[in-house]
């Protein structure tokens, strides 16, 4: 596992989250977890604001990957692209 990743438990499932990257006012965190068939699923969280004024978009992706590294890279790349679109004023999600 890469040093910028943290292993967490969410109920009975374990998932990996990357250290958030800052893109303008957005914090992008990629997630990956292993599915029942042994392949890996990816998601990304795009957060903005703080406290009660915070907003978090979570996007789940449908491709499955052979490795956790590939799932995390896919989510991080797409999360970065979505944050850049949000900065440009586009609707995302």
C-alpha atoms as a PDB file:
ATOM      1  CA  UNK A   1       0.000   0.000   0.000  1.00  0.00           C
ATOM      2  CA  UNK A   2       1.289   3.473  -0.892  1.00  0.00           C
ATOM      3  CA  UNK A   3       2.354   5.709   2.023  1.00  0.00           C
ATOM      4  CA  UNK A   4      -0.252   8.354   1.123  1.00  0.00           C
ATOM      5  CA  UNK A   5      -3.106   5.865   1.662  1.00  0.00           C
ATOM      6  CA  UNK A   6      -4.973   4.983   4.832  1.00  0.00           C
ATOM      7  CA  UNK A   7      -6.751   1.689   5.458  1.00  0.00           C
ATOM      8  CA  UNK A   8     -10.175   2.097   7.127  1.00  0.00           C
ATOM      9  CA  UNK A   9     -13.077  -0.120   8.080  1.00  0.00           C
ATOM     10  CA  UNK A  10     -16.607   0.823   7.091  1.00  0.00           C
ATOM     11  CA  UNK A  11     -18.905  -1.736   8.679  1.00  0.00           C
ATOM     12  CA  UNK A  12     -17.775  -5.190   7.600  1.00  0.00           C
ATOM     13  CA  UNK A  13     -15.869  -3.829   4.570  1.00  0.00           C
ATOM     14  CA  UNK A  14     -12.390  -2.455   4.421  1.00  0.00           C
ATOM     15  CA  UNK A  15     -11.548   0.375   2.053  1.00  0.00           C
ATOM     16  CA  UNK A  16      -8.501   2.443   1.179  1.00  0.00           C
ATOM     17  CA  UNK A  17      -8.568   6.231   0.990  1.00  0.00           C
ATOM     18  CA  UNK A  18      -5.827   8.424  -0.455  1.00  0.00           C
ATOM     19  CA  UNK A  19      -4.539  11.537   1.261  1.00  0.00           C
ATOM     20  CA  UNK A  20      -6.741  14.406  -0.016  1.00  0.00           C
ATOM     21  CA  UNK A  21      -5.325  16.709  -2.679  1.00  0.00           C
ATOM     22  CA  UNK A  22      -6.356  20.357  -2.770  1.00  0.00           C
ATOM     23  CA  UNK A  23      -7.587  21.762  -6.093  1.00  0.00           C
ATOM     24  CA  UNK A  24      -8.689  25.346  -5.594  1.00  0.00           C
ATOM     25  CA  UNK A  25     -11.401  25.268  -2.921  1.00  0.00           C
ATOM     26  CA  UNK A  26     -11.981  21.515  -3.418  1.00  0.00           C
ATOM     27  CA  UNK A  27     -10.435  18.578  -1.519  1.00  0.00           C
ATOM     28  CA  UNK A  28     -10.329  15.402  -3.597  1.00  0.00           C
ATOM     29  CA  UNK A  29      -9.996  11.968  -1.937  1.00  0.00           C
ATOM     30  CA  UNK A  30     -10.009   8.713  -3.883  1.00  0.00           C
ATOM     31  CA  UNK A  31     -11.411   5.506  -2.350  1.00  0.00           C
ATOM     32  CA  UNK A  32     -11.107   1.868  -3.369  1.00  0.00           C
ATOM     33  CA  UNK A  33     -12.453  -1.378  -1.957  1.00  0.00           C
ATOM     34  CA  UNK A  34     -12.412  -4.992  -2.982  1.00  0.00           C
ATOM     35  CA  UNK A  35     -15.702  -6.413  -4.256  1.00  0.00           C
ATOM     36  CA  UNK A  36     -17.057  -9.899  -3.574  1.00  0.00           C
ATOM     37  CA  UNK A  37     -15.597 -11.142  -6.880  1.00  0.00           C
ATOM     38  CA  UNK A  38     -12.065 -10.056  -5.873  1.00  0.00           C
ATOM     39  CA  UNK A  39     -11.844  -7.076  -8.214  1.00  0.00           C
ATOM     40  CA  UNK A  40     -11.595  -3.476  -7.022  1.00  0.00           C
ATOM     41  CA  UNK A  41     -14.191  -0.686  -7.100  1.00  0.00           C
ATOM     42  CA  UNK A  42     -13.401   3.027  -6.992  1.00  0.00           C
ATOM     43  CA  UNK A  43     -15.097   6.188  -5.720  1.00  0.00           C
ATOM     44  CA  UNK A  44     -14.050   9.771  -5.166  1.00  0.00           C
ATOM     45  CA  UNK A  45     -15.091  12.427  -2.667  1.00  0.00           C
ATOM     46  CA  UNK A  46     -14.986  16.090  -3.726  1.00  0.00           C
ATOM     47  CA  UNK A  47     -15.440  18.351  -0.683  1.00  0.00           C
ATOM     48  CA  UNK A  48     -15.773  22.105  -0.387  1.00  0.00           C
ATOM     49  CA  UNK A  49     -16.467  24.457   2.497  1.00  0.00           C
ATOM     50  CA  UNK A  50     -16.077  23.867   6.231  1.00  0.00           C
ATOM     51  CA  UNK A  51     -18.304  22.868   9.136  1.00  0.00           C
ATOM     52  CA  UNK A  52     -22.027  23.310   8.565  1.00  0.00           C
ATOM     53  CA  UNK A  53     -21.324  25.082   5.270  1.00  0.00           C
ATOM     54  CA  UNK A  54     -19.495  22.082   3.800  1.00  0.00           C
ATOM     55  CA  UNK A  55     -20.611  20.120   0.760  1.00  0.00           C
ATOM     56  CA  UNK A  56     -19.388  16.670  -0.263  1.00  0.00           C
ATOM     57  CA  UNK A  57     -19.982  15.063  -3.657  1.00  0.00           C
ATOM     58  CA  UNK A  58     -19.272  11.349  -3.814  1.00  0.00           C
ATOM     59  CA  UNK A  59     -18.981   9.755  -7.249  1.00  0.00           C
ATOM     60  CA  UNK A  60     -18.925   5.971  -7.651  1.00  0.00           C
ATOM     61  CA  UNK A  61     -17.465   4.524 -10.816  1.00  0.00           C
ATOM     62  CA  UNK A  62     -18.679   1.397 -12.590  1.00  0.00           C
ATOM     63  CA  UNK A  63     -15.448  -0.047 -14.009  1.00  0.00           C
ATOM     64  CA  UNK A  64     -13.855  -2.791 -11.926  1.00  0.00           C
ATOM     65  CA  UNK A  65     -10.075  -3.068 -11.690  1.00  0.00           C
ATOM     66  CA  UNK A  66      -7.547  -5.858 -11.231  1.00  0.00           C
ATOM     67  CA  UNK A  67      -5.594  -3.910  -8.603  1.00  0.00           C
ATOM     68  CA  UNK A  68      -6.305  -1.415  -5.865  1.00  0.00           C
ATOM     69  CA  UNK A  69      -3.613   0.864  -7.269  1.00  0.00           C
ATOM     70  CA  UNK A  70      -5.401   1.091 -10.636  1.00  0.00           C
ATOM     71  CA  UNK A  71      -8.772   1.723  -8.948  1.00  0.00           C
ATOM     72  CA  UNK A  72      -7.290   4.539  -6.839  1.00  0.00           C
ATOM     73  CA  UNK A  73      -5.505   6.090  -9.820  1.00  0.00           C
ATOM     74  CA  UNK A  74      -8.734   6.046 -11.862  1.00  0.00           C
ATOM     75  CA  UNK A  75     -10.727   7.691  -9.043  1.00  0.00           C
ATOM     76  CA  UNK A  76      -8.054  10.295  -8.336  1.00  0.00           C
ATOM     77  CA  UNK A  77      -7.724  11.222 -12.023  1.00  0.00           C
ATOM     78  CA  UNK A  78     -11.488  11.559 -12.496  1.00  0.00           C
ATOM     79  CA  UNK A  79     -11.888  13.421  -9.202  1.00  0.00           C
ATOM     80  CA  UNK A  80      -9.224  15.922 -10.261  1.00  0.00           C
ATOM     81  CA  UNK A  81     -11.014  16.430 -13.604  1.00  0.00           C
ATOM     82  CA  UNK A  82     -14.384  16.923 -11.871  1.00  0.00           C
ATOM     83  CA  UNK A  83     -12.902  19.484  -9.435  1.00  0.00           C
ATOM     84  CA  UNK A  84     -11.442  21.435 -12.358  1.00  0.00           C
ATOM     85  CA  UNK A  85     -14.861  21.395 -14.068  1.00  0.00           C
ATOM     86  CA  UNK A  86     -16.498  22.664 -10.869  1.00  0.00           C
ATOM     87  CA  UNK A  87     -13.957  25.483 -10.688  1.00  0.00           C
ATOM     88  CA  UNK A  88     -14.926  26.408 -14.270  1.00  0.00           C
ATOM     89  CA  UNK A  89     -18.599  26.552 -13.247  1.00  0.00           C
ATOM     90  CA  UNK A  90     -19.790  23.293 -14.804  1.00  0.00           C
ATOM     91  CA  UNK A  91     -22.417  21.082 -13.138  1.00  0.00           C
ATOM     92  CA  UNK A  92     -20.967  17.753 -12.008  1.00  0.00           C
ATOM     93  CA  UNK A  93     -22.585  14.498 -10.976  1.00  0.00           C
END
